[in-house]
Protein backbone atom coordinates (compact mmCIF):
# COMPACT_ATOMS: atom_id res chain seq x y z
CA MET A 1 12.57 -12.68 -16.82
CA GLN A 2 10.01 -9.93 -17.37
CA ASP A 3 9.50 -6.31 -16.38
CA ILE A 4 6.91 -6.06 -13.61
CA LEU A 5 5.73 -2.72 -12.26
CA LEU A 6 4.63 -2.37 -8.65
CA LEU A 7 2.60 0.85 -8.61
CA TYR A 8 2.30 2.13 -5.04
CA GLY A 9 -0.86 4.20 -4.70
CA SER A 10 -1.09 5.04 -0.99
CA PRO A 11 -0.59 8.70 -0.03
CA LYS A 12 1.28 7.53 3.08
CA ARG A 13 5.03 7.38 2.72
CA THR A 14 5.50 4.84 5.51
CA ASP A 15 3.54 2.50 7.76
CA SER A 16 0.77 1.71 5.30
CA ALA A 17 -1.00 -1.59 4.75
CA THR A 18 -0.57 -1.05 1.00
CA HIS A 19 3.21 -0.80 1.34
CA MET A 20 3.34 -3.92 3.48
CA LEU A 21 1.26 -5.92 0.99
CA LEU A 22 3.39 -4.81 -1.97
CA GLU A 23 6.56 -5.75 -0.10
CA ALA A 24 5.13 -9.20 0.58
CA LEU A 25 4.17 -9.58 -3.07
CA ALA A 26 7.62 -8.42 -4.21
CA GLY A 27 9.12 -11.16 -2.05
CA GLN A 28 7.08 -13.70 -4.02
CA LEU A 29 8.42 -12.28 -7.31
CA ALA A 30 12.11 -12.88 -6.60
CA GLY A 31 14.07 -13.42 -9.80
CA GLU A 32 11.90 -11.12 -11.92
CA LYS A 33 12.77 -7.56 -12.94
CA VAL A 34 10.56 -5.75 -10.45
CA HIS A 35 10.30 -1.94 -10.64
CA TRP A 36 8.69 -0.06 -7.77
CA PHE A 37 7.04 3.31 -8.47
CA ASP A 38 5.43 5.67 -5.97
CA LEU A 39 2.54 7.23 -7.89
CA VAL A 40 2.65 10.40 -5.78
CA MET A 41 6.35 11.03 -6.37
CA GLN A 42 7.03 9.14 -9.62
CA GLY A 43 3.80 9.29 -11.59
CA LYS A 44 5.39 10.34 -14.91
CA GLU A 45 8.10 7.70 -14.67
CA ALA A 46 5.50 5.03 -13.90
CA ALA A 47 3.38 6.04 -16.91
CA ALA A 48 6.43 5.83 -19.17
CA ALA A 49 7.39 2.40 -17.80
CA LEU A 50 3.85 1.12 -18.45
CA ARG A 51 4.49 1.32 -22.21
CA THR A 52 7.00 -1.54 -22.20
CA ALA A 53 6.11 -3.57 -19.09
CA GLN A 54 4.80 -7.11 -19.25
CA ALA A 55 2.82 -6.75 -16.02
CA ALA A 56 1.67 -3.94 -13.73
CA VAL A 57 0.28 -4.25 -10.21
CA LEU A 58 -1.77 -1.25 -9.10
CA ALA A 59 -1.95 -1.22 -5.29
CA PHE A 60 -3.93 1.27 -3.22
CA PRO A 61 -6.21 1.67 -0.19
CA LEU A 62 -9.95 2.10 -0.66
CA TYR A 63 -11.08 5.70 -0.11
CA PHE A 64 -14.82 6.26 0.30
CA ASP A 65 -15.55 2.95 -1.45
CA SER A 66 -13.48 4.00 -4.45
CA ILE A 67 -10.02 4.60 -5.90
CA PRO A 68 -8.10 7.50 -4.26
CA SER A 69 -8.28 10.69 -6.34
CA HIS A 70 -4.51 10.90 -6.95
CA VAL A 71 -4.52 7.32 -8.28
CA LEU A 72 -7.45 8.15 -10.56
CA ALA A 73 -5.55 11.19 -11.81
CA TRP A 74 -2.55 9.01 -12.60
CA MET A 75 -4.72 6.44 -14.41
CA ARG A 76 -6.21 9.19 -16.55
CA ALA A 77 -2.78 10.61 -17.39
CA ALA A 78 -1.36 7.16 -18.16
CA GLU A 79 -4.07 6.36 -20.71
CA ALA A 80 -2.35 8.34 -23.46
CA GLY A 81 0.92 6.46 -23.11
CA ALA A 82 -0.45 2.94 -22.66
CA SER A 83 0.45 0.59 -25.52
CA ALA A 84 -2.73 -1.12 -26.65
CA GLY A 85 -2.20 -4.75 -27.58
CA SER A 86 1.21 -4.84 -25.88
CA GLY A 87 0.26 -7.92 -23.89
CA CYS A 88 0.77 -6.13 -20.57
CA HIS A 89 -1.41 -7.64 -17.86
CA VAL A 90 -2.83 -5.40 -15.14
CA TYR A 91 -3.44 -6.66 -11.61
CA ALA A 92 -4.79 -4.86 -8.54
CA VAL A 93 -4.12 -5.23 -4.82
CA ILE A 94 -6.69 -3.24 -2.84
CA ASN A 95 -7.04 -2.99 0.92
CA CYS A 96 -9.76 -1.36 2.99
CA GLY A 97 -10.63 -0.69 6.62
CA PHE A 98 -13.98 -2.40 6.24
CA TYR A 99 -14.33 -5.88 7.64
CA GLU A 100 -15.50 -7.28 4.30
CA GLY A 101 -12.89 -7.48 1.57
CA SER A 102 -15.76 -7.54 -0.92
CA GLN A 103 -16.07 -3.77 -0.35
CA CYS A 104 -13.15 -3.55 -2.82
CA GLN A 105 -15.08 -5.12 -5.71
CA TRP A 106 -16.26 -1.85 -7.29
CA ALA A 107 -12.76 -0.37 -7.25
CA ALA A 108 -11.47 -3.61 -8.76
CA GLN A 109 -14.04 -3.37 -11.55
CA SER A 110 -12.99 0.23 -12.18
CA VAL A 111 -9.36 -0.86 -12.66
CA GLN A 112 -10.55 -3.65 -14.97
CA HIS A 113 -12.55 -1.20 -17.11
CA TRP A 114 -9.57 1.17 -17.21
CA SER A 115 -7.37 -1.69 -18.43
CA ALA A 116 -9.81 -2.45 -21.24
CA HIS A 117 -10.01 1.24 -22.16
CA CYS A 118 -6.21 1.36 -22.42
CA GLY A 119 -6.08 -1.81 -24.50
CA LEU A 120 -4.27 -3.70 -21.75
CA ASP A 121 -5.08 -7.21 -20.55
CA TRP A 122 -6.84 -7.67 -17.24
CA GLY A 123 -5.33 -10.19 -14.88
CA GLN A 124 -6.89 -10.32 -11.44
CA ALA A 125 -7.69 -8.31 -8.32
CA LEU A 126 -7.01 -9.19 -4.70
CA GLY A 127 -9.21 -7.23 -2.29
CA ILE A 128 -8.39 -7.37 1.42
CA GLY A 129 -10.54 -6.23 4.32
CA GLY A 130 -9.35 -5.26 7.78
CA GLY A 131 -6.56 -2.90 6.70
CA PRO A 132 -5.71 -1.46 10.13
CA MET A 133 -5.57 -4.98 11.54
CA LEU A 134 -2.87 -5.87 8.99
CA LEU A 135 -0.62 -3.20 10.49
CA GLU A 136 -1.34 -4.22 14.07
CA THR A 137 -0.40 -7.84 13.35
CA ALA A 138 2.51 -7.11 10.98
CA LYS A 139 5.18 -8.04 13.55
CA SER A 140 3.85 -11.57 13.78
CA GLY A 141 3.62 -11.89 9.99
CA LEU A 142 0.78 -12.07 7.51
CA SER A 143 -1.86 -14.74 7.90
CA SER A 144 -1.34 -18.01 6.08
CA VAL A 145 -4.44 -17.39 3.94
CA LEU A 146 -3.22 -13.95 2.83
CA THR A 147 0.30 -15.25 2.18
CA GLU A 148 -1.13 -18.12 0.12
CA ASN A 149 -3.21 -15.74 -1.99
CA LEU A 150 -0.29 -13.37 -2.55
CA ARG A 151 1.78 -16.36 -3.67
CA ALA A 152 -0.99 -17.40 -6.06
CA LEU A 153 -1.23 -13.85 -7.42
CA ALA A 154 2.53 -13.79 -7.96
CA GLY A 155 2.17 -17.03 -9.92
CA GLN A 156 -0.43 -15.42 -12.18
CA ILE A 157 1.81 -12.40 -12.69
CA ARG A 158 4.83 -14.53 -13.61
CA CYS A 159 2.95 -16.41 -16.32
CA GLY A 160 0.77 -13.52 -17.51
CA GLY A 161 -2.30 -15.36 -16.36
CA ALA A 162 -5.78 -14.22 -15.41
CA GLY A 163 -8.20 -15.40 -12.76
CA GLU A 164 -11.31 -14.53 -10.81
CA ASP A 165 -11.04 -11.64 -8.39
CA ILE A 166 -10.50 -12.73 -4.79
CA PHE A 167 -11.79 -10.88 -1.72
CA LEU A 168 -10.57 -11.74 1.77
CA SER A 169 -11.92 -10.80 5.19
CA PRO A 170 -10.22 -11.16 8.62
CA ARG A 171 -10.40 -14.64 10.10
CA ILE A 172 -12.19 -13.41 13.20
CA SER A 173 -15.83 -12.53 13.79
CA ARG A 174 -17.18 -9.16 12.69
CA THR A 175 -17.96 -8.31 16.33
CA ALA A 176 -14.38 -9.04 17.41
CA TYR A 177 -13.09 -6.89 14.56
CA LYS A 178 -15.32 -4.01 15.67
CA LEU A 179 -14.04 -4.26 19.25
CA LEU A 180 -10.42 -4.34 18.06
CA GLY A 181 -11.10 -1.31 15.88
CA GLU A 182 -12.49 0.68 18.83
CA TRP A 183 -9.45 -0.31 20.91
CA HIS A 184 -7.16 0.86 18.10
CA TRP A 185 -8.80 4.31 17.88
CA ARG A 186 -8.72 4.74 21.67
CA LYS A 187 -5.03 3.84 21.64
CA LEU A 188 -4.33 6.49 18.97
CA ALA A 189 -6.39 9.02 20.91
CA ARG A 190 -4.31 8.46 24.06
CA GLN A 191 -1.08 8.75 22.07
CA ASN A 192 -2.26 12.14 20.81
CA GLY A 193 -3.26 13.43 24.23
CA LEU A 194 -7.02 13.08 23.79
CA LYS A 195 -9.44 12.03 26.53
CA SER A 196 -12.34 9.61 26.10
CA ARG A 197 -14.81 12.46 26.13
CA ASP A 198 -13.06 14.00 23.10
CA LEU A 199 -13.95 10.96 21.02
CA TYR A 200 -17.65 11.64 21.42
CA ARG A 201 -17.64 15.44 21.29
CA LYS A 202 -20.33 16.87 19.03
CA TRP A 203 -19.00 19.20 16.38
């Protein structure tokens, strides 16, 4: 049994794709000593736990094609306390609203470089496109492909393994995803009392 850190990097407290993905991953790590840290609320505690952990999973949404600023701030602060050569493996779970999961590759490389700078071992990244769609379909469960890849990632984490980064896109056409995205925004607009004309107002 090993200490595994799940580092939650979304600024949203609830109803986030990041939270849902970490919960699914935690379910695949049953039997391990899993410690969940919210980087917004528990950044110092997470940095301290990183010194003795065997594995750490940094999970966050993509912001402007990059790592959210508060997660970057935590990474910078955690550098000083990281134990180089400790054997801790770092993994990343990144989700984005883009259709292509490959949009997460640059953020994944940034986490990999940070791991090397801290003297930690890089494990693997899982980048997932179609973030809003994950939330819309949550009630019916995650797709079999996503579940399979989370299970494989959990296997790597358990054994301290490393693998090639994996990037997943929704299993529908890009056009269908675009139409679903427009429907989603119109739905939110109606819930907030906006009219169709408000969506196209020039500011």
